Amino acid sequence: MTHTSETVEALVEQLSKLPTIGRKTANRLAAYILKMSREEVVEIAKAMVAAKDRVVTCQVCFNVADYSPCPICASHRRDRSVVCVVEDPSDVFALERTGDFRGLYHVLGGVISPLDGVGPNDLRVRELVGRISGKPDLTTASGEVAETAEAYDESGVQPPEAVPVEEVILALNPNVEGDTTAVYIGQLLDAFDVKVTRIARGLPIGGDLEFADEATLSRALEGRSGL
């Protein structure tokens, strides 16, 4: 259905363009926005514009931040010998919420997916290999600048001491695309003296065996550990 108000209809159309937001959800959001005060709506609009104008890509790990290098890469307290490879910046946020990982990150910007036309050259795999080898490729396929001393000079941040990477953790989603990407990266890193691991997969905390699918149970058995 279309609204009697063209303005509301336009708002619903824009909201429905967001991921996971269908037409019904967009209608509910539009109705809620109409009930908000003008000041609240303006604050939301300002935050959206500011995020678009100010957020940049870290030149070291390719995470999103307000400046480059990002606080994680510039920190002298992180374990620089461990790099965790993730698909998107949202995965960095999820891992940081645990408070357990103290290493660095590398955001691929996606996973290998032939059906979607995404290959290794469309990801930041080359930049990852550069970080592991200690010889970063300064210019990526997308024109971004990889890790350089200039990145720190421009930010005014004193660069942490360079430490060889000893372990690469592949924290990719447990699906076909994630598995394909993990295998590809693992094969590339075979040429280097670095330990390659992958996060464990299995039953969630509080889950019941009877409700788990066969693939999840198999992974849980494979990843069992001693007490």
N, C-alpha and C. Protein backbone atom coordinates (compact mmCIF):
# COMPACT_ATOMS: atom_id res chain seq x y z
N MET A 1 0.84 -1.20 0.00
CA MET A 1 0.00 0.00 0.00
C MET A 1 0.88 1.25 0.00
N THR A 2 0.37 2.34 -0.52
CA THR A 2 1.07 3.61 -0.49
C THR A 2 0.38 4.53 0.51
N HIS A 3 1.15 5.43 1.09
CA HIS A 3 0.61 6.33 2.09
C HIS A 3 -0.11 7.49 1.43
N THR A 4 -1.03 8.09 2.16
CA THR A 4 -1.71 9.28 1.66
C THR A 4 -0.76 10.46 1.64
N SER A 5 0.34 10.35 2.40
CA SER A 5 1.35 11.39 2.42
C SER A 5 2.54 10.97 1.56
N GLU A 6 2.83 11.76 0.54
CA GLU A 6 3.98 11.45 -0.31
C GLU A 6 5.29 11.56 0.47
N THR A 7 5.33 12.43 1.45
CA THR A 7 6.53 12.60 2.27
C THR A 7 6.81 11.35 3.09
N VAL A 8 5.77 10.81 3.71
CA VAL A 8 5.93 9.58 4.49
C VAL A 8 6.29 8.42 3.57
N GLU A 9 5.67 8.37 2.42
CA GLU A 9 5.97 7.31 1.46
C GLU A 9 7.44 7.36 1.04
N ALA A 10 7.96 8.56 0.84
CA ALA A 10 9.37 8.71 0.47
C ALA A 10 10.27 8.24 1.60
N LEU A 11 9.88 8.53 2.84
CA LEU A 11 10.66 8.09 4.00
C LEU A 11 10.67 6.57 4.09
N VAL A 12 9.52 5.95 3.89
CA VAL A 12 9.42 4.49 3.93
C VAL A 12 10.29 3.87 2.83
N GLU A 13 10.28 4.45 1.66
CA GLU A 13 11.08 3.94 0.54
C GLU A 13 12.56 3.98 0.88
N GLN A 14 13.01 5.06 1.49
CA GLN A 14 14.43 5.19 1.84
C GLN A 14 14.82 4.21 2.95
N LEU A 15 13.94 4.06 3.94
CA LEU A 15 14.23 3.15 5.05
C LEU A 15 14.28 1.70 4.57
N SER A 16 13.44 1.36 3.63
CA SER A 16 13.39 -0.01 3.13
C SER A 16 14.62 -0.39 2.31
N LYS A 17 15.45 0.59 1.97
CA LYS A 17 16.69 0.31 1.26
C LYS A 17 17.77 -0.24 2.18
N LEU A 18 17.58 -0.08 3.48
CA LEU A 18 18.55 -0.56 4.45
C LEU A 18 18.50 -2.08 4.54
N PRO A 19 19.64 -2.73 4.80
CA PRO A 19 19.65 -4.20 4.89
C PRO A 19 18.77 -4.71 6.02
N THR A 20 18.11 -5.81 5.79
CA THR A 20 17.21 -6.50 6.73
C THR A 20 15.94 -5.69 7.04
N ILE A 21 15.76 -4.54 6.38
CA ILE A 21 14.58 -3.73 6.62
C ILE A 21 13.59 -3.93 5.48
N GLY A 22 12.50 -4.64 5.77
CA GLY A 22 11.47 -4.83 4.77
C GLY A 22 10.46 -3.70 4.81
N ARG A 23 9.45 -3.84 3.97
CA ARG A 23 8.44 -2.79 3.86
C ARG A 23 7.68 -2.59 5.17
N LYS A 24 7.32 -3.67 5.84
CA LYS A 24 6.57 -3.55 7.09
C LYS A 24 7.40 -2.88 8.18
N THR A 25 8.65 -3.30 8.28
CA THR A 25 9.54 -2.69 9.28
C THR A 25 9.76 -1.22 8.98
N ALA A 26 9.92 -0.90 7.71
CA ALA A 26 10.11 0.49 7.31
C ALA A 26 8.89 1.33 7.69
N ASN A 27 7.72 0.77 7.54
CA ASN A 27 6.49 1.48 7.93
C ASN A 27 6.47 1.75 9.43
N ARG A 28 6.87 0.74 10.21
CA ARG A 28 6.89 0.92 11.67
C ARG A 28 7.92 1.97 12.08
N LEU A 29 9.08 1.95 11.43
CA LEU A 29 10.11 2.94 11.74
C LEU A 29 9.65 4.35 11.38
N ALA A 30 8.99 4.48 10.24
CA ALA A 30 8.49 5.78 9.82
C ALA A 30 7.47 6.31 10.81
N ALA A 31 6.59 5.41 11.27
CA ALA A 31 5.57 5.82 12.25
C ALA A 31 6.22 6.28 13.55
N TYR A 32 7.28 5.58 13.95
CA TYR A 32 7.97 5.95 15.19
C TYR A 32 8.68 7.30 15.03
N ILE A 33 9.30 7.50 13.85
CA ILE A 33 9.99 8.77 13.60
C ILE A 33 9.01 9.94 13.67
N LEU A 34 7.82 9.75 13.16
CA LEU A 34 6.81 10.82 13.19
C LEU A 34 6.41 11.18 14.62
N LYS A 35 6.53 10.22 15.54
CA LYS A 35 6.18 10.49 16.94
C LYS A 35 7.32 11.15 17.71
N MET A 36 8.53 11.09 17.16
CA MET A 36 9.69 11.68 17.83
C MET A 36 9.65 13.20 17.73
N SER A 37 10.36 13.86 18.64
CA SER A 37 10.45 15.32 18.56
C SER A 37 11.38 15.71 17.42
N ARG A 38 11.24 16.92 16.94
CA ARG A 38 12.07 17.38 15.83
C ARG A 38 13.55 17.36 16.22
N GLU A 39 13.82 17.71 17.47
CA GLU A 39 15.20 17.74 17.94
C GLU A 39 15.84 16.35 17.88
N GLU A 40 15.08 15.32 18.25
CA GLU A 40 15.60 13.95 18.22
C GLU A 40 15.88 13.50 16.78
N VAL A 41 14.98 13.86 15.88
CA VAL A 41 15.17 13.49 14.48
C VAL A 41 16.39 14.20 13.91
N VAL A 42 16.57 15.45 14.26
CA VAL A 42 17.73 16.21 13.79
C VAL A 42 19.03 15.59 14.28
N GLU A 43 19.04 15.13 15.54
CA GLU A 43 20.24 14.51 16.09
C GLU A 43 20.59 13.22 15.34
N ILE A 44 19.57 12.44 14.99
CA ILE A 44 19.80 11.22 14.22
C ILE A 44 20.38 11.56 12.85
N ALA A 45 19.78 12.57 12.22
CA ALA A 45 20.25 12.99 10.89
C ALA A 45 21.69 13.49 10.96
N LYS A 46 22.03 14.25 12.00
CA LYS A 46 23.39 14.76 12.16
C LYS A 46 24.39 13.62 12.34
N ALA A 47 23.99 12.62 13.14
CA ALA A 47 24.88 11.48 13.38
C ALA A 47 25.13 10.70 12.09
N MET A 48 24.11 10.56 11.27
CA MET A 48 24.25 9.83 10.00
C MET A 48 25.17 10.58 9.05
N VAL A 49 24.99 11.89 8.94
CA VAL A 49 25.83 12.69 8.05
C VAL A 49 27.27 12.72 8.54
N ALA A 50 27.44 12.84 9.87
CA ALA A 50 28.78 12.88 10.44
C ALA A 50 29.52 11.57 10.19
N ALA A 51 28.80 10.45 10.31
CA ALA A 51 29.41 9.15 10.07
C ALA A 51 29.87 9.03 8.62
N LYS A 52 29.09 9.58 7.72
CA LYS A 52 29.45 9.52 6.30
C LYS A 52 30.61 10.44 5.97
N ASP A 53 30.66 11.60 6.61
CA ASP A 53 31.69 12.60 6.30
C ASP A 53 33.01 12.37 7.02
N ARG A 54 32.97 11.82 8.25
CA ARG A 54 34.17 11.79 9.07
C ARG A 54 34.83 10.42 9.18
N VAL A 55 34.04 9.36 9.05
CA VAL A 55 34.60 8.02 9.23
C VAL A 55 35.51 7.68 8.05
N VAL A 56 36.70 7.17 8.37
CA VAL A 56 37.68 6.80 7.35
C VAL A 56 38.06 5.34 7.52
N THR A 57 38.82 4.83 6.56
CA THR A 57 39.33 3.46 6.64
C THR A 57 40.75 3.49 7.17
N CYS A 58 41.02 2.70 8.20
CA CYS A 58 42.37 2.63 8.76
C CYS A 58 43.32 2.13 7.68
N GLN A 59 44.44 2.81 7.51
CA GLN A 59 45.41 2.45 6.49
C GLN A 59 46.21 1.21 6.86
N VAL A 60 46.06 0.75 8.10
CA VAL A 60 46.82 -0.41 8.55
C VAL A 60 45.98 -1.69 8.50
N CYS A 61 44.81 -1.66 9.16
CA CYS A 61 43.99 -2.87 9.26
C CYS A 61 42.71 -2.80 8.44
N PHE A 62 42.39 -1.62 7.90
CA PHE A 62 41.20 -1.41 7.06
C PHE A 62 39.90 -1.48 7.84
N ASN A 63 39.97 -1.25 9.15
CA ASN A 63 38.77 -1.11 9.95
C ASN A 63 38.28 0.33 9.82
N VAL A 64 37.05 0.60 10.23
CA VAL A 64 36.54 1.96 10.18
C VAL A 64 36.92 2.68 11.47
N ALA A 65 37.24 3.97 11.34
CA ALA A 65 37.66 4.75 12.50
C ALA A 65 37.49 6.23 12.17
N ASP A 66 37.69 7.07 13.18
CA ASP A 66 37.61 8.52 12.96
C ASP A 66 38.92 9.06 12.42
N TYR A 67 39.99 8.29 12.54
CA TYR A 67 41.29 8.71 12.01
C TYR A 67 42.12 7.47 11.74
N SER A 68 43.19 7.66 10.97
CA SER A 68 44.06 6.54 10.62
C SER A 68 45.50 6.87 11.03
N PRO A 69 46.20 5.94 11.69
CA PRO A 69 45.76 4.59 12.07
C PRO A 69 44.72 4.63 13.18
N CYS A 70 43.92 3.56 13.25
CA CYS A 70 42.86 3.49 14.24
C CYS A 70 43.44 3.28 15.64
N PRO A 71 42.66 3.48 16.69
CA PRO A 71 43.18 3.32 18.06
C PRO A 71 43.77 1.95 18.35
N ILE A 72 43.24 0.91 17.71
CA ILE A 72 43.77 -0.44 17.96
C ILE A 72 45.16 -0.59 17.37
N CYS A 73 45.32 -0.16 16.11
CA CYS A 73 46.63 -0.28 15.45
C CYS A 73 47.67 0.64 16.08
N ALA A 74 47.25 1.78 16.61
CA ALA A 74 48.19 2.74 17.19
C ALA A 74 48.52 2.43 18.64
N SER A 75 47.78 1.51 19.25
CA SER A 75 47.99 1.20 20.67
C SER A 75 49.31 0.47 20.89
N HIS A 76 50.02 0.86 21.93
CA HIS A 76 51.28 0.20 22.31
C HIS A 76 51.01 -0.98 23.24
N ARG A 77 49.75 -1.21 23.59
CA ARG A 77 49.40 -2.28 24.53
C ARG A 77 48.88 -3.53 23.83
N ARG A 78 48.70 -3.47 22.52
CA ARG A 78 48.19 -4.64 21.80
C ARG A 78 49.34 -5.58 21.46
N ASP A 79 48.98 -6.87 21.38
CA ASP A 79 49.95 -7.90 21.00
C ASP A 79 50.08 -7.89 19.48
N ARG A 80 51.16 -7.33 18.98
CA ARG A 80 51.33 -7.13 17.55
C ARG A 80 51.81 -8.39 16.84
N SER A 81 52.04 -9.46 17.59
CA SER A 81 52.48 -10.72 16.97
C SER A 81 51.30 -11.57 16.52
N VAL A 82 50.08 -11.14 16.86
CA VAL A 82 48.88 -11.90 16.51
C VAL A 82 47.94 -11.01 15.70
N VAL A 83 47.52 -11.50 14.54
CA VAL A 83 46.60 -10.77 13.67
C VAL A 83 45.35 -11.62 13.45
N CYS A 84 44.20 -11.05 13.74
CA CYS A 84 42.93 -11.74 13.56
C CYS A 84 42.28 -11.23 12.27
N VAL A 85 42.03 -12.14 11.34
CA VAL A 85 41.44 -11.79 10.05
C VAL A 85 39.92 -11.93 10.12
N VAL A 86 39.21 -10.86 9.77
CA VAL A 86 37.76 -10.88 9.81
C VAL A 86 37.20 -10.40 8.47
N GLU A 87 35.92 -10.60 8.29
CA GLU A 87 35.27 -10.24 7.02
C GLU A 87 34.95 -8.76 6.96
N ASP A 88 34.28 -8.23 7.99
CA ASP A 88 33.80 -6.85 7.98
C ASP A 88 34.13 -6.15 9.30
N PRO A 89 34.07 -4.81 9.31
CA PRO A 89 34.29 -4.06 10.55
C PRO A 89 33.36 -4.48 11.68
N SER A 90 32.14 -4.91 11.36
CA SER A 90 31.21 -5.33 12.40
C SER A 90 31.75 -6.51 13.19
N ASP A 91 32.58 -7.35 12.54
CA ASP A 91 33.18 -8.49 13.23
C ASP A 91 34.21 -8.02 14.25
N VAL A 92 34.90 -6.93 13.93
CA VAL A 92 35.86 -6.36 14.89
C VAL A 92 35.12 -5.90 16.13
N PHE A 93 33.99 -5.23 15.94
CA PHE A 93 33.20 -4.76 17.07
C PHE A 93 32.77 -5.94 17.95
N ALA A 94 32.34 -7.02 17.32
CA ALA A 94 31.88 -8.20 18.06
C ALA A 94 33.00 -8.80 18.90
N LEU A 95 34.18 -8.94 18.32
CA LEU A 95 35.32 -9.52 19.04
C LEU A 95 35.81 -8.60 20.14
N GLU A 96 35.79 -7.30 19.90
CA GLU A 96 36.24 -6.36 20.91
C GLU A 96 35.32 -6.34 22.12
N ARG A 97 34.04 -6.64 21.90
CA ARG A 97 33.09 -6.68 23.03
C ARG A 97 33.44 -7.76 24.03
N THR A 98 34.10 -8.82 23.58
CA THR A 98 34.46 -9.90 24.51
C THR A 98 35.53 -9.46 25.49
N GLY A 99 36.40 -8.55 25.04
CA GLY A 99 37.50 -8.09 25.90
C GLY A 99 38.60 -9.11 26.06
N ASP A 100 38.55 -10.21 25.31
CA ASP A 100 39.53 -11.29 25.45
C ASP A 100 40.66 -11.23 24.43
N PHE A 101 40.42 -10.62 23.28
CA PHE A 101 41.45 -10.59 22.25
C PHE A 101 42.24 -9.29 22.35
N ARG A 102 43.57 -9.42 22.42
CA ARG A 102 44.42 -8.24 22.59
C ARG A 102 45.39 -8.06 21.43
N GLY A 103 45.15 -8.74 20.32
CA GLY A 103 46.02 -8.60 19.18
C GLY A 103 45.52 -7.53 18.21
N LEU A 104 45.96 -7.62 16.96
CA LEU A 104 45.54 -6.69 15.93
C LEU A 104 44.54 -7.36 14.99
N TYR A 105 43.99 -6.60 14.08
CA TYR A 105 42.99 -7.11 13.15
C TYR A 105 43.40 -6.84 11.70
N HIS A 106 42.74 -7.57 10.81
CA HIS A 106 42.85 -7.29 9.38
C HIS A 106 41.49 -7.55 8.76
N VAL A 107 40.88 -6.50 8.23
CA VAL A 107 39.54 -6.60 7.66
C VAL A 107 39.65 -6.87 6.17
N LEU A 108 39.13 -8.01 5.73
CA LEU A 108 39.21 -8.40 4.32
C LEU A 108 38.28 -7.58 3.43
N GLY A 109 37.15 -7.17 3.98
CA GLY A 109 36.18 -6.45 3.17
C GLY A 109 35.24 -7.38 2.42
N GLY A 110 35.12 -8.63 2.90
CA GLY A 110 34.24 -9.59 2.27
C GLY A 110 34.85 -10.98 2.29
N VAL A 111 34.25 -11.89 1.55
CA VAL A 111 34.77 -13.26 1.42
C VAL A 111 34.67 -13.68 -0.05
N ILE A 112 35.41 -14.70 -0.40
CA ILE A 112 35.38 -15.20 -1.77
C ILE A 112 34.00 -15.81 -2.06
N SER A 113 33.36 -15.32 -3.08
CA SER A 113 32.03 -15.80 -3.44
C SER A 113 31.87 -15.73 -4.96
N PRO A 114 32.21 -16.80 -5.67
CA PRO A 114 32.12 -16.81 -7.13
C PRO A 114 30.72 -16.48 -7.66
N LEU A 115 29.68 -16.91 -6.95
CA LEU A 115 28.32 -16.64 -7.39
C LEU A 115 28.00 -15.15 -7.40
N ASP A 116 28.66 -14.41 -6.49
CA ASP A 116 28.46 -12.97 -6.41
C ASP A 116 29.54 -12.20 -7.17
N GLY A 117 30.41 -12.94 -7.85
CA GLY A 117 31.47 -12.30 -8.62
C GLY A 117 32.59 -11.73 -7.77
N VAL A 118 32.76 -12.26 -6.55
CA VAL A 118 33.81 -11.77 -5.65
C VAL A 118 34.94 -12.78 -5.61
N GLY A 119 36.11 -12.36 -6.06
CA GLY A 119 37.29 -13.21 -6.06
C GLY A 119 38.34 -12.70 -5.10
N PRO A 120 39.46 -13.40 -4.96
CA PRO A 120 40.54 -12.98 -4.05
C PRO A 120 41.05 -11.57 -4.32
N ASN A 121 41.08 -11.18 -5.60
CA ASN A 121 41.59 -9.85 -5.95
C ASN A 121 40.65 -8.73 -5.52
N ASP A 122 39.42 -9.08 -5.17
CA ASP A 122 38.46 -8.08 -4.71
C ASP A 122 38.55 -7.86 -3.20
N LEU A 123 39.35 -8.69 -2.54
CA LEU A 123 39.52 -8.59 -1.09
C LEU A 123 40.91 -8.06 -0.76
N ARG A 124 41.14 -7.81 0.52
CA ARG A 124 42.44 -7.29 0.95
C ARG A 124 43.36 -8.43 1.38
N VAL A 125 43.43 -9.44 0.53
CA VAL A 125 44.30 -10.59 0.78
C VAL A 125 45.76 -10.22 0.54
N ARG A 126 45.99 -9.49 -0.53
CA ARG A 126 47.36 -9.07 -0.86
C ARG A 126 47.95 -8.22 0.25
N GLU A 127 47.14 -7.36 0.85
CA GLU A 127 47.61 -6.51 1.93
C GLU A 127 47.93 -7.34 3.18
N LEU A 128 47.15 -8.42 3.39
CA LEU A 128 47.41 -9.31 4.52
C LEU A 128 48.76 -10.00 4.34
N VAL A 129 49.00 -10.52 3.15
CA VAL A 129 50.28 -11.17 2.88
C VAL A 129 51.42 -10.18 3.07
N GLY A 130 51.20 -8.93 2.68
CA GLY A 130 52.22 -7.91 2.87
C GLY A 130 52.54 -7.67 4.33
N ARG A 131 51.51 -7.69 5.17
CA ARG A 131 51.74 -7.50 6.61
C ARG A 131 52.50 -8.67 7.20
N ILE A 132 52.20 -9.88 6.73
CA ILE A 132 52.86 -11.06 7.26
C ILE A 132 54.33 -11.10 6.80
N SER A 133 54.56 -10.75 5.57
CA SER A 133 55.91 -10.79 5.03
C SER A 133 56.78 -9.64 5.49
N GLY A 134 56.13 -8.60 6.01
CA GLY A 134 56.90 -7.43 6.43
C GLY A 134 57.19 -6.49 5.29
N LYS A 135 56.57 -6.77 4.12
CA LYS A 135 56.77 -5.93 2.94
C LYS A 135 55.39 -5.54 2.40
N PRO A 136 54.75 -4.60 3.07
CA PRO A 136 53.38 -4.23 2.67
C PRO A 136 53.31 -3.65 1.27
N ASP A 137 52.26 -4.04 0.55
CA ASP A 137 51.99 -3.48 -0.77
C ASP A 137 51.32 -2.13 -0.54
N LEU A 138 51.99 -1.05 -0.91
CA LEU A 138 51.54 0.28 -0.53
C LEU A 138 50.21 0.69 -1.16
N THR A 139 49.92 0.20 -2.35
CA THR A 139 48.69 0.60 -3.01
C THR A 139 47.83 -0.61 -3.29
N THR A 140 46.59 -0.59 -2.81
CA THR A 140 45.67 -1.71 -3.00
C THR A 140 44.94 -1.56 -4.32
N ALA A 141 44.20 -2.61 -4.68
CA ALA A 141 43.45 -2.58 -5.92
C ALA A 141 42.40 -1.48 -5.92
N SER A 142 41.92 -1.12 -4.72
CA SER A 142 40.89 -0.09 -4.62
C SER A 142 41.48 1.30 -4.48
N GLY A 143 42.82 1.39 -4.51
CA GLY A 143 43.46 2.69 -4.41
C GLY A 143 43.75 3.13 -2.99
N GLU A 144 43.43 2.29 -2.00
CA GLU A 144 43.71 2.63 -0.62
C GLU A 144 45.19 2.45 -0.32
N VAL A 145 45.67 3.11 0.71
CA VAL A 145 47.08 3.00 1.08
C VAL A 145 47.23 2.04 2.23
N ALA A 146 48.10 1.07 2.08
CA ALA A 146 48.33 0.09 3.13
C ALA A 146 49.26 0.67 4.18
N GLU A 147 49.69 -0.18 5.12
CA GLU A 147 50.46 0.27 6.27
C GLU A 147 51.79 0.91 5.86
N THR A 148 52.00 2.17 6.23
CA THR A 148 53.24 2.88 5.94
C THR A 148 53.58 3.76 7.12
N ALA A 149 54.83 4.19 7.18
CA ALA A 149 55.24 5.09 8.25
C ALA A 149 54.52 6.43 8.12
N GLU A 150 54.19 6.81 6.85
CA GLU A 150 53.51 8.07 6.63
C GLU A 150 52.14 8.11 7.31
N ALA A 151 51.50 6.96 7.43
CA ALA A 151 50.19 6.91 8.07
C ALA A 151 50.29 7.40 9.50
N TYR A 152 51.37 7.04 10.18
CA TYR A 152 51.56 7.49 11.55
C TYR A 152 52.04 8.93 11.60
N ASP A 153 52.89 9.33 10.65
CA ASP A 153 53.39 10.70 10.62
C ASP A 153 52.26 11.70 10.47
N GLU A 154 51.30 11.39 9.59
CA GLU A 154 50.19 12.30 9.36
C GLU A 154 49.27 12.40 10.56
N SER A 155 49.17 11.31 11.34
CA SER A 155 48.26 11.32 12.49
C SER A 155 48.91 11.91 13.73
N GLY A 156 50.24 12.02 13.71
CA GLY A 156 50.96 12.52 14.88
C GLY A 156 51.12 11.49 15.96
N VAL A 157 50.79 10.23 15.67
CA VAL A 157 50.91 9.14 16.63
C VAL A 157 52.27 8.46 16.49
N GLN A 158 52.93 8.23 17.61
CA GLN A 158 54.21 7.54 17.57
C GLN A 158 53.99 6.07 17.22
N PRO A 159 54.56 5.57 16.12
CA PRO A 159 54.31 4.18 15.72
C PRO A 159 54.87 3.19 16.72
N PRO A 160 54.11 2.14 17.07
CA PRO A 160 54.61 1.11 17.97
C PRO A 160 55.78 0.37 17.33
N GLU A 161 56.55 -0.31 18.16
CA GLU A 161 57.69 -1.06 17.66
C GLU A 161 57.21 -2.20 16.76
N ALA A 162 57.89 -2.35 15.63
CA ALA A 162 57.52 -3.40 14.68
C ALA A 162 57.84 -4.77 15.26
N VAL A 163 56.86 -5.68 15.19
CA VAL A 163 57.01 -7.04 15.71
C VAL A 163 56.58 -8.03 14.64
N PRO A 164 57.36 -9.06 14.37
CA PRO A 164 56.96 -10.06 13.37
C PRO A 164 55.67 -10.76 13.77
N VAL A 165 54.82 -11.02 12.80
CA VAL A 165 53.57 -11.72 13.06
C VAL A 165 53.85 -13.20 13.24
N GLU A 166 53.42 -13.76 14.36
CA GLU A 166 53.66 -15.17 14.66
C GLU A 166 52.41 -16.03 14.46
N GLU A 167 51.24 -15.41 14.57
CA GLU A 167 50.00 -16.18 14.42
C GLU A 167 48.95 -15.36 13.68
N VAL A 168 48.26 -16.03 12.77
CA VAL A 168 47.12 -15.42 12.06
C VAL A 168 45.89 -16.22 12.42
N ILE A 169 44.91 -15.56 13.01
CA ILE A 169 43.65 -16.21 13.39
C ILE A 169 42.60 -15.88 12.34
N LEU A 170 42.03 -16.89 11.74
CA LEU A 170 40.99 -16.68 10.74
C LEU A 170 39.62 -16.74 11.42
N ALA A 171 39.04 -15.58 11.65
CA ALA A 171 37.73 -15.49 12.32
C ALA A 171 36.67 -15.20 11.27
N LEU A 172 36.47 -16.17 10.37
CA LEU A 172 35.51 -16.02 9.29
C LEU A 172 34.26 -16.84 9.58
N ASN A 173 33.14 -16.43 9.01
CA ASN A 173 31.88 -17.11 9.28
C ASN A 173 31.92 -18.56 8.82
N PRO A 174 31.30 -19.47 9.59
CA PRO A 174 31.32 -20.91 9.25
C PRO A 174 30.33 -21.27 8.16
N ASN A 175 30.57 -20.77 6.95
CA ASN A 175 29.73 -21.12 5.81
C ASN A 175 30.63 -21.44 4.62
N VAL A 176 30.04 -21.74 3.50
CA VAL A 176 30.82 -22.14 2.32
C VAL A 176 31.80 -21.06 1.92
N GLU A 177 31.33 -19.82 1.88
CA GLU A 177 32.20 -18.71 1.47
C GLU A 177 33.33 -18.50 2.47
N GLY A 178 33.00 -18.57 3.76
CA GLY A 178 34.01 -18.39 4.78
C GLY A 178 35.04 -19.49 4.75
N ASP A 179 34.58 -20.74 4.57
CA ASP A 179 35.50 -21.88 4.49
C ASP A 179 36.42 -21.77 3.27
N THR A 180 35.85 -21.36 2.13
CA THR A 180 36.65 -21.21 0.92
C THR A 180 37.73 -20.15 1.10
N THR A 181 37.35 -19.04 1.70
CA THR A 181 38.31 -17.96 1.93
C THR A 181 39.40 -18.38 2.90
N ALA A 182 39.01 -19.12 3.96
CA ALA A 182 39.98 -19.58 4.95
C ALA A 182 41.00 -20.52 4.33
N VAL A 183 40.52 -21.45 3.50
CA VAL A 183 41.41 -22.40 2.84
C VAL A 183 42.38 -21.66 1.91
N TYR A 184 41.85 -20.69 1.17
CA TYR A 184 42.69 -19.93 0.24
C TYR A 184 43.79 -19.17 0.98
N ILE A 185 43.41 -18.49 2.05
CA ILE A 185 44.40 -17.72 2.82
C ILE A 185 45.41 -18.65 3.47
N GLY A 186 44.92 -19.78 4.00
CA GLY A 186 45.82 -20.74 4.62
C GLY A 186 46.88 -21.24 3.65
N GLN A 187 46.49 -21.49 2.42
CA GLN A 187 47.44 -21.95 1.40
C GLN A 187 48.46 -20.87 1.06
N LEU A 188 48.02 -19.63 1.01
CA LEU A 188 48.93 -18.52 0.72
C LEU A 188 49.97 -18.35 1.82
N LEU A 189 49.53 -18.54 3.07
CA LEU A 189 50.43 -18.31 4.21
C LEU A 189 51.33 -19.49 4.51
N ASP A 190 51.15 -20.59 3.78
CA ASP A 190 52.03 -21.75 3.96
C ASP A 190 53.48 -21.40 3.66
N ALA A 191 53.66 -20.38 2.84
CA ALA A 191 55.01 -20.00 2.43
C ALA A 191 55.74 -19.21 3.51
N PHE A 192 55.06 -18.86 4.58
CA PHE A 192 55.65 -18.04 5.63
C PHE A 192 55.74 -18.81 6.95
N ASP A 193 56.67 -18.39 7.77
CA ASP A 193 56.85 -19.02 9.08
C ASP A 193 55.87 -18.40 10.06
N VAL A 194 54.60 -18.73 9.90
CA VAL A 194 53.55 -18.17 10.74
C VAL A 194 52.52 -19.25 11.03
N LYS A 195 52.01 -19.23 12.24
CA LYS A 195 50.99 -20.19 12.66
C LYS A 195 49.62 -19.69 12.20
N VAL A 196 48.86 -20.52 11.50
CA VAL A 196 47.53 -20.15 11.04
C VAL A 196 46.49 -20.98 11.78
N THR A 197 45.59 -20.32 12.48
CA THR A 197 44.54 -21.00 13.23
C THR A 197 43.18 -20.46 12.83
N ARG A 198 42.14 -21.17 13.25
CA ARG A 198 40.78 -20.72 12.98
C ARG A 198 39.96 -20.83 14.25
N ILE A 199 39.05 -19.90 14.45
CA ILE A 199 38.25 -19.93 15.68
C ILE A 199 37.41 -21.21 15.72
N ALA A 200 37.18 -21.70 16.93
CA ALA A 200 36.44 -22.95 17.10
C ALA A 200 34.98 -22.78 16.72
N ARG A 201 34.38 -23.90 16.32
CA ARG A 201 32.96 -23.90 15.96
C ARG A 201 32.27 -25.05 16.67
N GLY A 202 31.07 -24.83 17.11
CA GLY A 202 30.36 -25.89 17.80
C GLY A 202 29.09 -25.40 18.44
N LEU A 203 28.76 -25.98 19.59
CA LEU A 203 27.50 -25.65 20.27
C LEU A 203 27.60 -24.31 21.00
N PRO A 204 26.56 -23.50 20.94
CA PRO A 204 26.56 -22.24 21.68
C PRO A 204 26.35 -22.48 23.17
N ILE A 205 26.79 -21.54 23.98
CA ILE A 205 26.57 -21.63 25.42
C ILE A 205 25.06 -21.66 25.70
N GLY A 206 24.63 -22.63 26.48
CA GLY A 206 23.21 -22.75 26.81
C GLY A 206 22.40 -23.50 25.78
N GLY A 207 23.08 -24.00 24.71
CA GLY A 207 22.37 -24.74 23.68
C GLY A 207 22.12 -26.19 24.07
N ASP A 208 21.16 -26.84 23.44
CA ASP A 208 20.83 -28.24 23.70
C ASP A 208 21.25 -29.10 22.52
N LEU A 209 21.80 -30.27 22.82
CA LEU A 209 22.24 -31.18 21.77
C LEU A 209 21.11 -31.58 20.83
N GLU A 210 19.93 -31.79 21.40
CA GLU A 210 18.82 -32.30 20.60
C GLU A 210 18.36 -31.31 19.53
N PHE A 211 18.67 -30.04 19.72
CA PHE A 211 18.24 -29.03 18.76
C PHE A 211 19.34 -28.63 17.78
N ALA A 212 20.54 -29.19 17.95
CA ALA A 212 21.67 -28.85 17.07
C ALA A 212 21.61 -29.67 15.79
N ASP A 213 22.03 -29.07 14.68
CA ASP A 213 22.04 -29.80 13.42
C ASP A 213 23.29 -30.68 13.35
N GLU A 214 23.32 -31.57 12.36
CA GLU A 214 24.40 -32.54 12.24
C GLU A 214 25.76 -31.87 12.02
N ALA A 215 25.79 -30.83 11.18
CA ALA A 215 27.05 -30.15 10.88
C ALA A 215 27.64 -29.50 12.13
N THR A 216 26.78 -28.88 12.94
CA THR A 216 27.24 -28.23 14.16
C THR A 216 27.78 -29.25 15.15
N LEU A 217 27.09 -30.37 15.30
CA LEU A 217 27.55 -31.43 16.20
C LEU A 217 28.88 -32.02 15.73
N SER A 218 29.04 -32.18 14.42
CA SER A 218 30.29 -32.71 13.89
C SER A 218 31.45 -31.77 14.20
N ARG A 219 31.22 -30.47 14.01
CA ARG A 219 32.26 -29.49 14.30
C ARG A 219 32.59 -29.47 15.79
N ALA A 220 31.58 -29.63 16.62
CA ALA A 220 31.79 -29.62 18.06
C ALA A 220 32.65 -30.82 18.48
N LEU A 221 32.41 -31.98 17.87
CA LEU A 221 33.20 -33.16 18.16
C LEU A 221 34.64 -33.00 17.69
N GLU A 222 34.81 -32.41 16.51
CA GLU A 222 36.15 -32.22 15.97
C GLU A 222 36.97 -31.25 16.82
N GLY A 223 36.28 -30.27 17.38
CA GLY A 223 36.99 -29.23 18.15
C GLY A 223 36.98 -29.49 19.64
N ARG A 224 36.73 -30.72 20.06
CA ARG A 224 36.69 -31.02 21.50
C ARG A 224 38.05 -30.81 22.13
N SER A 225 38.05 -30.45 23.41
CA SER A 225 39.29 -30.20 24.14
C SER A 225 39.26 -30.91 25.47
N GLY A 226 40.43 -31.09 26.05
CA GLY A 226 40.54 -31.78 27.34
C GLY A 226 40.12 -30.90 28.50
N LEU A 227 39.80 -31.52 29.60
CA LEU A 227 39.38 -30.79 30.80
C LEU A 227 40.59 -30.53 31.70
